[in-house]
Amino acid sequence: MTPFYYINRLLETNPSRIYDLGCGWNIFKKYIPNIVGVGAENPTSKFYHADVHDLVDDDYINNHQNYFESFFSINALHFYPIDDLKKVVLNFISMCRKHGRGFLALNFQRMFERAQN
């Protein structure tokens, strides 16, 4: 239920699109049609449910500076080690337009696991 609270906060500004970075099943689109899921899974796989095929990596971030009016990422940017937490947060913020809104939730367990490798 918590993600829906924050997604509703994104909806308050009536954005034309809300991007879900690392959408996985793209489950929120079922409830909010103007969500655009961005996913890196193999597009021919039965596990691919994104609207846009792309990996949210450094190149993606650099190409989407000040891009999003409204976007979120829930437990998807976990492929960074915990030592890069500041970088992850600043990168996320850098993709938000002035007066835009974003919601970021991170999986710290996965980030800690990455730091150990």
C-alpha atoms as a PDB file:
ATOM      1  CA  MET A   1       0.000   0.000   0.000  1.00  0.00           C
ATOM      2  CA  THR A   2       2.876   2.379   0.694  1.00  0.00           C
ATOM      3  CA  PRO A   3       3.893   2.737  -2.977  1.00  0.00           C
ATOM      4  CA  PHE A   4       0.331   3.764  -3.854  1.00  0.00           C
ATOM      5  CA  TYR A   5       0.472   6.548  -1.264  1.00  0.00           C
ATOM      6  CA  TYR A   6       3.562   8.018  -2.926  1.00  0.00           C
ATOM      7  CA  ILE A   7       2.324   7.416  -6.456  1.00  0.00           C
ATOM      8  CA  ASN A   8      -0.850   9.309  -5.532  1.00  0.00           C
ATOM      9  CA  ARG A   9       1.399  12.182  -4.431  1.00  0.00           C
ATOM     10  CA  LEU A  10       2.948  12.100  -7.902  1.00  0.00           C
ATOM     11  CA  LEU A  11      -0.537  12.219  -9.430  1.00  0.00           C
ATOM     12  CA  GLU A  12      -1.409  15.435  -7.544  1.00  0.00           C
ATOM     13  CA  THR A  13       0.307  17.533 -10.219  1.00  0.00           C
ATOM     14  CA  ASN A  14      -1.641  15.746 -12.974  1.00  0.00           C
ATOM     15  CA  PRO A  15       1.397  14.632 -15.023  1.00  0.00           C
ATOM     16  CA  SER A  16       0.842  13.348 -18.532  1.00  0.00           C
ATOM     17  CA  ARG A  17       3.182  10.423 -17.793  1.00  0.00           C
ATOM     18  CA  ILE A  18       4.730   8.879 -14.708  1.00  0.00           C
ATOM     19  CA  TYR A  19       7.830   6.812 -15.397  1.00  0.00           C
ATOM     20  CA  ASP A  20       8.546   3.666 -13.397  1.00  0.00           C
ATOM     21  CA  LEU A  21      12.309   3.082 -13.591  1.00  0.00           C
ATOM     22  CA  GLY A  22      12.965  -0.633 -13.222  1.00  0.00           C
ATOM     23  CA  CYS A  23       9.291  -1.523 -13.524  1.00  0.00           C
ATOM     24  CA  GLY A  24       9.598  -5.320 -13.251  1.00  0.00           C
ATOM     25  CA  TRP A  25       6.045  -6.597 -13.736  1.00  0.00           C
ATOM     26  CA  ASN A  26       4.867  -3.026 -14.446  1.00  0.00           C
ATOM     27  CA  ILE A  27       2.096  -3.789 -11.952  1.00  0.00           C
ATOM     28  CA  PHE A  28       1.229  -0.164 -11.170  1.00  0.00           C
ATOM     29  CA  LYS A  29       0.211   0.441 -14.799  1.00  0.00           C
ATOM     30  CA  LYS A  30      -2.748  -1.853 -14.170  1.00  0.00           C
ATOM     31  CA  TYR A  31      -4.123   0.792 -11.797  1.00  0.00           C
ATOM     32  CA  ILE A  32      -2.689   3.985 -13.308  1.00  0.00           C
ATOM     33  CA  PRO A  33      -2.653   3.834 -17.128  1.00  0.00           C
ATOM     34  CA  ASN A  34      -0.329   6.816 -17.690  1.00  0.00           C
ATOM     35  CA  ILE A  35       2.576   4.974 -16.062  1.00  0.00           C
ATOM     36  CA  VAL A  36       5.399   4.191 -18.477  1.00  0.00           C
ATOM     37  CA  GLY A  37       7.448   1.212 -17.351  1.00  0.00           C
ATOM     38  CA  VAL A  38      11.173   1.150 -18.103  1.00  0.00           C
ATOM     39  CA  GLY A  39      12.729  -2.294 -17.828  1.00  0.00           C
ATOM     40  CA  ALA A  40      15.932  -4.039 -18.813  1.00  0.00           C
ATOM     41  CA  GLU A  41      14.688  -7.614 -19.029  1.00  0.00           C
ATOM     42  CA  ASN A  42      15.024  -9.423 -22.337  1.00  0.00           C
ATOM     43  CA  PRO A  43      12.119  -8.148 -24.489  1.00  0.00           C
ATOM     44  CA  THR A  44      11.473 -11.647 -25.849  1.00  0.00           C
ATOM     45  CA  SER A  45      11.206 -13.100 -22.339  1.00  0.00           C
ATOM     46  CA  LYS A  46       7.889 -13.895 -20.680  1.00  0.00           C
ATOM     47  CA  PHE A  47       9.188 -11.768 -17.789  1.00  0.00           C
ATOM     48  CA  TYR A  48       9.312  -8.588 -19.880  1.00  0.00           C
ATOM     49  CA  HIS A  49       6.427  -6.252 -19.047  1.00  0.00           C
ATOM     50  CA  ALA A  50       7.968  -2.835 -19.692  1.00  0.00           C
ATOM     51  CA  ASP A  51       6.809  -0.203 -22.138  1.00  0.00           C
ATOM     52  CA  VAL A  52      10.379   0.955 -22.802  1.00  0.00           C
ATOM     53  CA  HIS A  53      13.371  -1.367 -22.950  1.00  0.00           C
ATOM     54  CA  ASP A  54      16.347   0.263 -21.250  1.00  0.00           C
ATOM     55  CA  LEU A  55      18.720  -0.219 -18.333  1.00  0.00           C
ATOM     56  CA  VAL A  56      18.890   2.602 -15.804  1.00  0.00           C
ATOM     57  CA  ASP A  57      22.676   2.814 -15.702  1.00  0.00           C
ATOM     58  CA  ASP A  58      25.116   5.729 -15.907  1.00  0.00           C
ATOM     59  CA  ASP A  59      24.452   6.228 -19.641  1.00  0.00           C
ATOM     60  CA  TYR A  60      20.706   6.279 -19.097  1.00  0.00           C
ATOM     61  CA  ILE A  61      21.068   8.768 -16.251  1.00  0.00           C
ATOM     62  CA  ASN A  62      23.354  11.035 -18.287  1.00  0.00           C
ATOM     63  CA  ASN A  63      20.861  11.004 -21.181  1.00  0.00           C
ATOM     64  CA  HIS A  64      17.907  11.854 -18.919  1.00  0.00           C
ATOM     65  CA  GLN A  65      19.168  14.871 -16.989  1.00  0.00           C
ATOM     66  CA  ASN A  66      16.278  17.175 -15.979  1.00  0.00           C
ATOM     67  CA  TYR A  67      14.005  14.891 -18.020  1.00  0.00           C
ATOM     68  CA  PHE A  68      11.211  13.568 -15.816  1.00  0.00           C
ATOM     69  CA  GLU A  69       8.223  15.572 -14.694  1.00  0.00           C
ATOM     70  CA  SER A  70       7.085  12.635 -12.569  1.00  0.00           C
ATOM     71  CA  PHE A  71       8.849   9.332 -11.921  1.00  0.00           C
ATOM     72  CA  PHE A  72       9.603   6.680  -9.362  1.00  0.00           C
ATOM     73  CA  SER A  73      11.796   3.685  -8.746  1.00  0.00           C
ATOM     74  CA  ILE A  74      10.903   1.057  -6.175  1.00  0.00           C
ATOM     75  CA  ASN A  75      13.642  -1.380  -5.156  1.00  0.00           C
ATOM     76  CA  ALA A  76      15.071  -1.394  -8.670  1.00  0.00           C
ATOM     77  CA  LEU A  77      18.337   0.519  -8.339  1.00  0.00           C
ATOM     78  CA  HIS A  78      19.870  -2.160  -6.121  1.00  0.00           C
ATOM     79  CA  PHE A  79      22.714  -3.108  -8.433  1.00  0.00           C
ATOM     80  CA  TYR A  80      24.866  -0.385  -6.850  1.00  0.00           C
ATOM     81  CA  PRO A  81      26.833  -1.111  -3.664  1.00  0.00           C
ATOM     82  CA  ILE A  82      25.817   0.704  -0.474  1.00  0.00           C
ATOM     83  CA  ASP A  83      29.016   2.766  -0.754  1.00  0.00           C
ATOM     84  CA  ASP A  84      27.386   4.450  -3.774  1.00  0.00           C
ATOM     85  CA  LEU A  85      24.216   5.428  -1.902  1.00  0.00           C
ATOM     86  CA  LYS A  86      24.900   9.144  -2.240  1.00  0.00           C
ATOM     87  CA  LYS A  87      25.591   8.711  -5.962  1.00  0.00           C
ATOM     88  CA  VAL A  88      22.320   6.792  -6.461  1.00  0.00           C
ATOM     89  CA  VAL A  89      20.262   9.455  -4.712  1.00  0.00           C
ATOM     90  CA  LEU A  90      21.976  12.360  -6.494  1.00  0.00           C
ATOM     91  CA  ASN A  91      21.631  10.605  -9.865  1.00  0.00           C
ATOM     92  CA  PHE A  92      17.930  10.082  -9.233  1.00  0.00           C
ATOM     93  CA  ILE A  93      17.464  13.734  -8.306  1.00  0.00           C
ATOM     94  CA  SER A  94      19.419  14.868 -11.369  1.00  0.00           C
ATOM     95  CA  MET A  95      16.835  13.284 -13.671  1.00  0.00           C
ATOM     96  CA  CYS A  96      13.976  15.316 -12.178  1.00  0.00           C
ATOM     97  CA  ARG A  97      12.816  18.487 -13.936  1.00  0.00           C
ATOM     98  CA  LYS A  98      12.512  21.699 -11.995  1.00  0.00           C
ATOM     99  CA  HIS A  99       9.232  21.492 -10.060  1.00  0.00           C
ATOM    100  CA  GLY A 100       9.004  17.794 -10.932  1.00  0.00           C
ATOM    101  CA  ARG A 101       8.349  15.000  -8.447  1.00  0.00           C
ATOM    102  CA  GLY A 102      10.016  11.687  -7.796  1.00  0.00           C
ATOM    103  CA  PHE A 103       9.767   8.774  -5.391  1.00  0.00           C
ATOM    104  CA  LEU A 104      12.758   6.546  -4.686  1.00  0.00           C
ATOM    105  CA  ALA A 105      12.750   3.391  -2.551  1.00  0.00           C
ATOM    106  CA  LEU A 106      15.910   1.327  -2.256  1.00  0.00           C
ATOM    107  CA  ASN A 107      16.641  -2.262  -1.267  1.00  0.00           C
ATOM    108  CA  PHE A 108      19.475  -1.770   1.208  1.00  0.00           C
ATOM    109  CA  GLN A 109      20.000  -5.516   1.695  1.00  0.00           C
ATOM    110  CA  ARG A 110      20.875  -5.935  -1.988  1.00  0.00           C
ATOM    111  CA  MET A 111      23.098  -2.860  -1.856  1.00  0.00           C
ATOM    112  CA  PHE A 112      24.955  -4.302   1.163  1.00  0.00           C
ATOM    113  CA  GLU A 113      25.355  -7.610  -0.693  1.00  0.00           C
ATOM    114  CA  ARG A 114      26.876  -5.746  -3.652  1.00  0.00           C
ATOM    115  CA  ALA A 115      29.393  -4.089  -1.337  1.00  0.00           C
ATOM    116  CA  GLN A 116      30.593  -7.495  -0.150  1.00  0.00           C
ATOM    117  CA  ASN A 117      31.368  -8.741  -3.678  1.00  0.00           C
END
